[in-house]
């Protein structure tokens, strides 16, 4: 695993990313209407730990999210999961298409 200490900073250039308050309880996954196997907490941990390769491997899952807010509805930590997913989509698009950071 390649650790990139600047990864979180680059992700945050695409928008708000508040995953550090996640308590790893799993409520978000239990409510997902798609039954996505990847837990948001695991995805967010990849970002916080600086593992861009693991995030890239989950591109299909990130773009499959319905952004329906079901995962957020009962989050005891109040994590803005949907906004975090949008931020990751922005980051992945910028990375893929080599767009300049705003």
Protein backbone atom coordinates (compact mmCIF):
# COMPACT_ATOMS: atom_id res chain seq x y z
CA UNK A 1 0.00 0.00 0.00
CA UNK A 2 1.29 3.41 -0.98
CA UNK A 3 0.51 6.05 1.65
CA UNK A 4 -0.02 9.58 0.39
CA UNK A 5 -0.07 12.12 3.25
CA UNK A 6 -1.47 14.83 0.94
CA UNK A 7 -4.39 12.73 -0.32
CA UNK A 8 -6.95 14.12 2.14
CA UNK A 9 -5.89 17.67 1.26
CA UNK A 10 -6.41 16.98 -2.46
CA UNK A 11 -9.79 15.35 -1.82
CA UNK A 12 -10.92 18.37 0.20
CA UNK A 13 -10.16 20.64 -2.75
CA UNK A 14 -13.28 19.13 -4.32
CA UNK A 15 -15.58 20.03 -1.43
CA UNK A 16 -16.36 19.40 2.22
CA UNK A 17 -15.16 16.07 3.63
CA UNK A 18 -16.03 15.38 7.29
CA UNK A 19 -15.29 11.66 7.66
CA UNK A 20 -13.01 12.06 10.66
CA UNK A 21 -16.02 12.15 13.01
CA UNK A 22 -17.24 8.71 11.85
CA UNK A 23 -17.63 6.34 14.82
CA UNK A 24 -17.46 3.16 12.68
CA UNK A 25 -20.85 1.93 13.93
CA UNK A 26 -22.13 0.61 10.56
CA UNK A 27 -25.63 2.15 10.70
CA UNK A 28 -25.01 3.75 7.29
CA UNK A 29 -24.58 0.41 5.54
CA UNK A 30 -27.61 -1.18 7.19
CA UNK A 31 -29.88 1.44 5.61
CA UNK A 32 -28.46 1.51 2.07
CA UNK A 33 -31.20 0.65 -0.47
CA UNK A 34 -28.56 -0.68 -2.89
CA UNK A 35 -27.06 -2.99 -0.31
CA UNK A 36 -23.61 -1.74 -1.25
CA UNK A 37 -20.97 -4.03 0.18
CA UNK A 38 -18.42 -1.27 0.74
CA UNK A 39 -19.02 0.43 4.03
CA UNK A 40 -18.79 4.23 3.87
CA UNK A 41 -16.68 4.07 7.00
CA UNK A 42 -14.13 1.88 5.23
CA UNK A 43 -14.09 4.14 2.16
CA UNK A 44 -13.65 7.24 4.32
CA UNK A 45 -10.89 5.53 6.30
CA UNK A 46 -9.00 4.94 3.04
CA UNK A 47 -9.06 8.69 2.47
CA UNK A 48 -8.05 9.55 6.02
CA UNK A 49 -5.18 7.06 5.92
CA UNK A 50 -3.93 8.42 2.59
CA UNK A 51 -4.64 5.40 0.40
CA UNK A 52 -5.65 6.74 -3.04
CA UNK A 53 -5.27 3.34 -4.69
CA UNK A 54 -7.93 1.79 -2.45
CA UNK A 55 -10.29 4.69 -3.21
CA UNK A 56 -9.70 4.34 -6.97
CA UNK A 57 -10.53 0.64 -6.70
CA UNK A 58 -13.96 1.65 -5.40
CA UNK A 59 -14.79 4.09 -8.22
CA UNK A 60 -17.74 2.03 -9.46
CA UNK A 61 -19.25 1.88 -5.98
CA UNK A 62 -18.71 5.61 -5.42
CA UNK A 63 -20.53 6.45 -8.64
CA UNK A 64 -23.28 3.87 -7.98
CA UNK A 65 -24.40 5.65 -4.82
CA UNK A 66 -27.93 7.08 -5.21
CA UNK A 67 -27.13 10.07 -2.95
CA UNK A 68 -30.49 9.39 -1.28
CA UNK A 69 -29.33 10.34 2.25
CA UNK A 70 -30.63 7.07 3.76
CA UNK A 71 -27.16 6.38 5.13
CA UNK A 72 -27.13 9.76 6.86
CA UNK A 73 -30.61 9.63 8.30
CA UNK A 74 -29.63 7.78 11.47
CA UNK A 75 -25.90 8.48 11.65
CA UNK A 76 -25.23 9.08 15.37
CA UNK A 77 -22.12 11.13 14.54
CA UNK A 78 -23.91 13.34 12.01
CA UNK A 79 -21.43 12.54 9.22
CA UNK A 80 -22.44 14.13 5.92
CA UNK A 81 -21.97 10.88 4.01
CA UNK A 82 -23.69 12.04 0.84
CA UNK A 83 -21.58 15.19 0.63
CA UNK A 84 -18.46 13.11 1.25
CA UNK A 85 -19.40 10.84 -1.65
CA UNK A 86 -19.98 13.88 -3.88
CA UNK A 87 -16.55 15.20 -2.89
CA UNK A 88 -14.96 11.86 -3.76
CA UNK A 89 -16.73 11.90 -7.14
CA UNK A 90 -15.35 15.37 -7.82
CA UNK A 91 -11.87 14.25 -6.85
CA UNK A 92 -12.02 11.13 -9.02
CA UNK A 93 -13.29 13.11 -12.00
CA UNK A 94 -10.50 15.69 -11.62
CA UNK A 95 -7.93 12.95 -11.29
CA UNK A 96 -9.25 11.00 -14.27
CA UNK A 97 -9.52 13.96 -16.59
CA UNK A 98 -6.53 15.88 -15.19
CA UNK A 99 -8.63 18.94 -14.50
CA UNK A 100 -6.98 21.86 -12.77
CA UNK A 101 -7.82 22.24 -9.11
CA UNK A 102 -10.04 25.25 -8.51
